[in-house]
Protein backbone atom coordinates (compact mmCIF):
# COMPACT_ATOMS: atom_id res chain seq x y z
CA MET A 1 -22.81 2.36 -32.19
CA ALA A 2 -23.78 5.52 -29.95
CA TYR A 3 -21.42 5.63 -27.64
CA LYS A 4 -22.73 7.01 -24.13
CA LEU A 5 -20.03 6.99 -22.06
CA VAL A 6 -16.61 7.35 -22.31
CA CYS A 7 -13.74 6.29 -19.51
CA ILE A 8 -10.29 7.98 -19.52
CA ASP A 9 -7.10 7.29 -17.74
CA ILE A 10 -5.31 10.65 -16.90
CA ASP A 11 -1.09 10.07 -16.82
CA GLY A 12 0.16 9.14 -20.37
CA THR A 13 -3.47 9.11 -22.12
CA LEU A 14 -5.09 12.43 -21.09
CA LEU A 15 -2.07 14.84 -20.38
CA ASN A 16 0.54 14.71 -22.92
CA LYS A 17 4.06 14.82 -21.74
CA LYS A 18 4.05 18.16 -20.92
CA HIS A 19 1.31 17.17 -18.15
CA ILE A 20 -1.13 19.23 -20.15
CA ILE A 21 -4.50 18.75 -21.79
CA THR A 22 -4.15 20.84 -24.77
CA LYS A 23 -6.98 22.95 -25.66
CA ARG A 24 -8.15 20.58 -28.93
CA THR A 25 -8.50 17.68 -26.61
CA LYS A 26 -10.86 19.64 -24.07
CA ASP A 27 -12.69 21.58 -26.78
CA ILE A 28 -13.53 18.11 -28.30
CA LEU A 29 -14.35 16.38 -24.83
CA VAL A 30 -17.04 19.36 -23.76
CA LYS A 31 -18.49 18.73 -27.20
CA ALA A 32 -19.12 14.78 -26.36
CA HIS A 33 -20.35 15.74 -23.04
CA GLU A 34 -22.58 18.18 -24.69
CA MET A 35 -23.94 15.60 -26.97
CA GLY A 36 -24.74 13.41 -23.41
CA VAL A 37 -21.84 11.45 -23.51
CA HIS A 38 -20.92 11.20 -19.81
CA ILE A 39 -16.75 11.79 -20.22
CA VAL A 40 -15.55 9.91 -16.72
CA ILE A 41 -11.60 10.64 -15.57
CA SER A 42 -10.71 6.98 -14.83
CA THR A 43 -7.16 7.21 -12.81
CA GLY A 44 -4.96 5.44 -9.79
CA ARG A 45 -4.70 9.10 -8.60
CA MET A 46 -7.19 9.31 -5.52
CA PHE A 47 -10.41 11.30 -5.75
CA THR A 48 -9.04 14.76 -5.33
CA ASP A 49 -6.85 14.69 -7.94
CA ALA A 50 -8.74 13.35 -10.65
CA GLU A 51 -11.53 15.51 -9.69
CA TYR A 52 -9.42 18.46 -10.77
CA TYR A 53 -8.11 17.01 -14.07
CA SER A 54 -12.21 16.54 -14.65
CA ASN A 55 -13.03 20.33 -13.70
CA LEU A 56 -10.55 21.38 -15.96
CA LEU A 57 -12.64 19.63 -18.93
CA GLY A 58 -15.68 21.45 -17.10
CA VAL A 59 -17.79 18.06 -17.05
CA GLN A 60 -20.30 16.92 -14.71
CA SER A 61 -19.76 13.31 -14.83
CA PRO A 62 -18.61 10.80 -12.04
CA VAL A 63 -14.59 10.35 -11.27
CA ILE A 64 -12.98 7.05 -10.97
CA ALA A 65 -10.22 6.82 -8.57
CA ALA A 66 -7.58 4.69 -6.82
CA ASN A 67 -8.04 2.25 -9.69
CA GLY A 68 -11.59 1.78 -8.87
CA ALA A 69 -11.73 1.61 -5.31
CA PHE A 70 -13.74 4.92 -4.91
CA ILE A 71 -16.36 6.39 -7.35
CA LYS A 72 -17.96 9.21 -6.73
CA GLU A 73 -20.19 11.99 -8.08
CA LYS A 74 -18.04 15.48 -8.23
CA ASN A 75 -21.35 17.86 -7.50
CA ASN A 76 -22.95 16.03 -4.63
CA ASP A 77 -21.84 13.58 -1.88
CA THR A 78 -22.97 10.52 -3.82
CA VAL A 79 -20.42 7.82 -3.29
CA ILE A 80 -21.44 5.11 -6.22
CA TYR A 81 -18.57 2.75 -4.77
CA LYS A 82 -15.92 2.68 -2.34
CA ASP A 83 -13.44 -0.46 -1.62
CA VAL A 84 -10.79 -0.32 1.62
CA LEU A 85 -8.21 -2.18 2.67
CA GLY A 86 -8.86 -2.02 6.23
CA SER A 87 -6.82 -1.97 9.18
CA GLU A 88 -5.67 -5.74 8.83
CA VAL A 89 -4.70 -5.45 5.86
CA SER A 90 -3.32 -2.11 5.49
CA LEU A 91 -1.30 -3.20 8.90
CA GLU A 92 -0.29 -6.09 7.43
CA LEU A 93 1.17 -4.57 4.45
CA LEU A 94 2.86 -1.75 6.88
CA LYS A 95 5.04 -5.20 8.25
CA ILE A 96 5.88 -6.23 4.69
CA PHE A 97 7.31 -2.52 3.61
CA ARG A 98 9.35 -2.40 7.15
CA LYS A 99 10.50 -6.19 6.37
CA HIS A 100 11.91 -4.90 3.05
CA GLN A 101 12.76 -1.55 4.26
CA ILE A 102 10.22 0.37 1.79
CA LYS A 103 9.09 3.53 2.81
CA PRO A 104 5.34 3.80 2.70
CA TYR A 105 2.32 5.31 0.70
CA PHE A 106 -1.44 5.48 1.71
CA CYS A 107 -4.22 7.07 0.27
CA THR A 108 -7.56 7.95 1.16
CA PRO A 109 -10.21 9.76 -1.61
CA HIS A 110 -9.21 13.05 0.02
CA LYS A 111 -5.59 12.67 1.63
CA PHE A 112 -2.58 11.45 0.47
CA TYR A 113 0.23 10.13 3.52
CA TYR A 114 3.79 9.35 2.55
CA GLY A 115 7.05 8.01 4.12
CA ASN A 116 9.63 9.47 2.28
CA ILE A 117 10.28 13.11 2.61
CA MET A 118 12.16 13.41 -0.58
CA PHE A 119 8.40 13.01 -2.21
CA ARG A 120 7.94 16.17 -0.57
CA LEU A 121 10.78 17.44 -2.56
CA PHE A 122 9.57 15.98 -5.64
CA TYR A 123 6.44 16.92 -4.90
CA LEU A 124 7.35 20.69 -5.02
CA GLY A 125 9.65 20.52 -7.62
CA THR A 126 6.10 19.10 -9.60
CA GLN A 127 4.80 22.70 -9.02
CA ILE A 128 8.16 24.76 -9.74
CA TRP A 129 8.45 23.20 -12.94
CA GLY A 130 4.97 23.51 -13.49
CA THR A 131 3.70 19.82 -14.34
CA ARG A 132 1.35 20.36 -11.78
CA SER A 133 -0.88 23.24 -10.86
CA ASN A 134 -3.18 21.59 -8.47
CA LYS A 135 -2.51 21.15 -4.78
CA LEU A 136 -3.39 18.17 -2.43
CA ASP A 137 -3.82 17.28 1.21
CA MET A 138 -0.62 15.56 2.22
CA GLN A 139 1.10 14.47 5.42
CA TYR A 140 4.49 13.12 6.18
CA VAL A 141 4.51 9.63 8.27
CA PHE A 142 8.06 10.13 9.59
CA SER A 143 7.79 6.64 11.85
CA TRP A 144 6.40 3.02 11.86
CA ASN A 145 4.73 3.72 15.04
CA GLN A 146 3.20 7.02 13.69
CA TRP A 147 1.93 4.77 10.60
CA GLN A 148 0.11 2.06 12.90
CA LYS A 149 -2.12 5.36 14.39
CA VAL A 150 -2.66 7.01 10.65
CA LEU A 151 -3.48 3.54 9.63
CA HIS A 152 -5.61 2.81 12.62
CA LYS A 153 -7.48 6.40 12.72
CA GLU A 154 -7.95 5.85 8.33
CA GLN A 155 -8.88 2.68 8.63
CA ASP A 156 -12.33 3.24 6.73
CA ASN A 157 -10.76 5.64 4.32
CA ILE A 158 -7.80 3.68 3.30
CA VAL A 159 -8.27 3.29 -0.68
CA LYS A 160 -5.19 2.41 -1.90
CA SER A 161 -1.58 1.78 -1.31
CA GLU A 162 1.51 2.59 -3.61
CA VAL A 163 5.35 1.89 -3.79
CA ILE A 164 7.09 3.90 -5.55
CA TYR A 165 11.12 2.85 -6.63
CA ARG A 166 13.46 3.64 -9.41
CA ASN A 167 15.35 0.14 -9.68
CA PRO A 168 12.86 -2.56 -9.94
CA ALA A 169 15.28 -5.12 -9.20
CA LEU A 170 14.81 -3.60 -5.58
CA VAL A 171 11.17 -4.46 -5.37
CA SER A 172 11.55 -7.85 -6.92
CA ALA A 173 11.02 -9.98 -3.50
CA LEU A 174 8.42 -7.09 -2.49
CA ARG A 175 6.56 -7.73 -5.49
CA ASN A 176 6.71 -11.70 -5.04
CA GLU A 177 5.20 -11.17 -1.76
CA LEU A 178 2.77 -8.78 -2.70
CA MET A 179 1.31 -11.09 -5.35
CA ASN A 180 1.11 -14.26 -2.15
CA VAL A 181 -1.26 -11.60 -0.49
CA PRO A 182 -4.83 -12.86 -0.90
CA GLN A 183 -6.59 -9.88 0.10
CA LEU A 184 -4.72 -7.39 -2.61
CA GLU A 185 -4.88 -6.30 -6.16
CA ILE A 186 -1.57 -5.61 -7.34
CA VAL A 187 -1.26 -3.54 -10.55
CA ASP A 188 1.03 -1.34 -12.09
CA SER A 189 0.45 2.24 -13.68
CA SER A 190 4.09 3.12 -14.39
CA ARG A 191 7.61 1.21 -14.97
CA TYR A 192 8.02 2.65 -11.35
CA ASN A 193 4.96 1.83 -9.14
CA ILE A 194 3.10 -0.58 -7.95
CA GLU A 195 -0.36 0.16 -6.66
CA ILE A 196 -2.10 -2.49 -3.94
CA THR A 197 -6.00 -1.84 -3.52
CA ARG A 198 -8.29 -4.45 -1.91
CA LYS A 199 -8.88 -7.76 -3.67
CA GLY A 200 -11.07 -7.52 -6.68
CA VAL A 201 -10.83 -3.76 -7.28
CA SER A 202 -10.33 -2.80 -10.84
CA LYS A 203 -11.00 0.35 -13.10
CA GLY A 204 -12.88 -2.64 -15.39
CA LYS A 205 -15.15 -3.79 -12.49
CA ALA A 206 -15.61 0.85 -11.61
CA VAL A 207 -16.79 0.79 -15.39
CA ALA A 208 -18.89 -1.71 -15.57
CA MET A 209 -20.51 -0.58 -12.16
CA LEU A 210 -21.37 2.81 -13.87
CA ALA A 211 -22.53 1.06 -16.83
CA GLU A 212 -25.21 -0.40 -14.16
CA PHE A 213 -25.54 2.84 -12.74
CA TYR A 214 -26.27 4.33 -15.95
CA ASN A 215 -28.30 1.60 -17.53
CA LEU A 216 -25.32 0.85 -20.60
CA LYS A 217 -24.57 -1.52 -22.85
CA ARG A 218 -20.97 -2.38 -23.01
CA GLU A 219 -21.23 -1.48 -26.45
CA GLU A 220 -22.38 1.72 -25.46
CA ILE A 221 -18.92 2.35 -23.72
CA ILE A 222 -15.77 3.58 -24.92
CA THR A 223 -12.33 3.17 -22.32
CA ILE A 224 -9.09 4.88 -23.15
CA GLY A 225 -5.29 3.97 -21.34
CA ASP A 226 -2.18 3.35 -21.81
CA SER A 227 -0.77 1.14 -18.76
CA ALA A 228 -1.17 -2.13 -17.18
CA ASN A 229 -3.78 -0.76 -14.60
CA ASP A 230 -6.27 0.09 -17.79
CA ILE A 231 -6.48 -3.28 -19.24
CA SER A 232 -9.41 -4.47 -17.65
CA MET A 233 -11.38 -1.71 -18.16
CA ILE A 234 -10.36 -1.71 -22.11
CA GLU A 235 -10.88 -5.28 -22.22
CA PHE A 236 -14.71 -4.62 -20.57
CA ALA A 237 -15.45 -2.08 -23.02
CA GLY A 238 -17.34 -2.33 -26.44
CA MET A 239 -14.36 0.11 -27.73
CA GLY A 240 -11.29 -0.37 -25.79
CA ILE A 241 -8.64 2.32 -26.91
CA ALA A 242 -4.85 1.98 -26.24
CA MET A 243 -3.05 5.12 -26.86
CA GLY A 244 0.34 4.86 -29.65
CA ASN A 245 2.85 5.50 -26.31
CA ALA A 246 0.68 2.57 -24.50
CA LEU A 247 2.45 -0.66 -23.64
CA GLU A 248 2.44 -3.34 -26.10
CA ILE A 249 0.45 -5.93 -23.69
CA VAL A 250 -2.06 -2.75 -23.48
CA LYS A 251 -2.34 -2.73 -27.27
CA GLU A 252 -2.78 -6.19 -27.73
CA LYS A 253 -5.96 -6.24 -25.75
CA ALA A 254 -7.31 -2.90 -27.26
CA ASP A 255 -10.06 -3.15 -30.09
CA TYR A 256 -8.28 0.58 -31.54
CA ILE A 257 -4.99 1.72 -31.28
CA THR A 258 -4.52 5.56 -31.29
CA ASP A 259 -2.23 8.22 -31.78
CA SER A 260 0.30 8.74 -28.71
CA ASN A 261 -0.24 11.66 -25.91
CA ASP A 262 1.80 13.97 -27.42
CA ASN A 263 -0.48 14.09 -30.76
CA GLU A 264 -3.68 13.73 -29.31
CA GLY A 265 -4.63 10.81 -28.80
CA VAL A 266 -7.72 11.03 -26.97
CA ALA A 267 -9.38 13.79 -28.93
CA ASN A 268 -8.78 11.63 -32.47
CA ALA A 269 -10.35 8.70 -31.10
CA ILE A 270 -13.49 10.83 -29.56
CA ASN A 271 -13.65 12.58 -32.90
CA LYS A 272 -13.45 9.70 -34.61
CA PHE A 273 -15.66 7.27 -32.86
CA ILE A 274 -18.17 9.84 -31.49
CA LEU A 275 -18.28 13.31 -33.07
CA ASP A 276 -17.64 11.93 -36.30
CA ASN A 277 -14.43 14.54 -37.81
CA ARG A 278 -16.13 17.18 -36.97
CA PHE A 279 -13.25 18.77 -35.54
């Protein structure tokens, strides 16, 4: 089968534990792109963050951001898909966060709003430590009243909300309440967060939209990931690939398990299934 579309997660997949893309991985992905294969970043991150890594690869393919809530061409203003939470759902989330004393995080495709000042310190630390080289447009929201103003102003742009935590036990009641809100899609992209989008949003649905956009069959698509939010796209693709470091539930759904992100699992998979061991 000649694969024509590859959708790749970022964290724990494209990036190794040092948060870099190895030269060999980049070379292999560029080679596949030059052969006419669409190399698409598919992530829970906001669009401008995801676009940065797509630009690092040097490919011209679209980007799937916010777990599929936003799909956009990189080099023009064509938005292929956008699904926002809306002001009513966002304000309902705000009430739930306040009830559970959880600091909110909301994002548009281009801006990240955060309610915990410690996140700013963490972000600065990632730049100092060299684990992040790109800058994000971010704004600290300091009060519940200010949050209401932000969510009203950005009601047509908020595509995702997020909960970031250190102790899963502290958010179990919150998670249960969120799961009972019918308008919400709840997934995890790591062991320390909950990602919230509009019901029906998923990476799998986003990949299906790109398949229709390019008039491709599922059998012509490869997807690669490691976390729970990658399962839907791994199940959709003709060749769903789990990283060697992926969660067991992800590996169980995959058609193939490649090496870990520290052993160039993405490069090895593309080499095997597209370049036919040329690298």
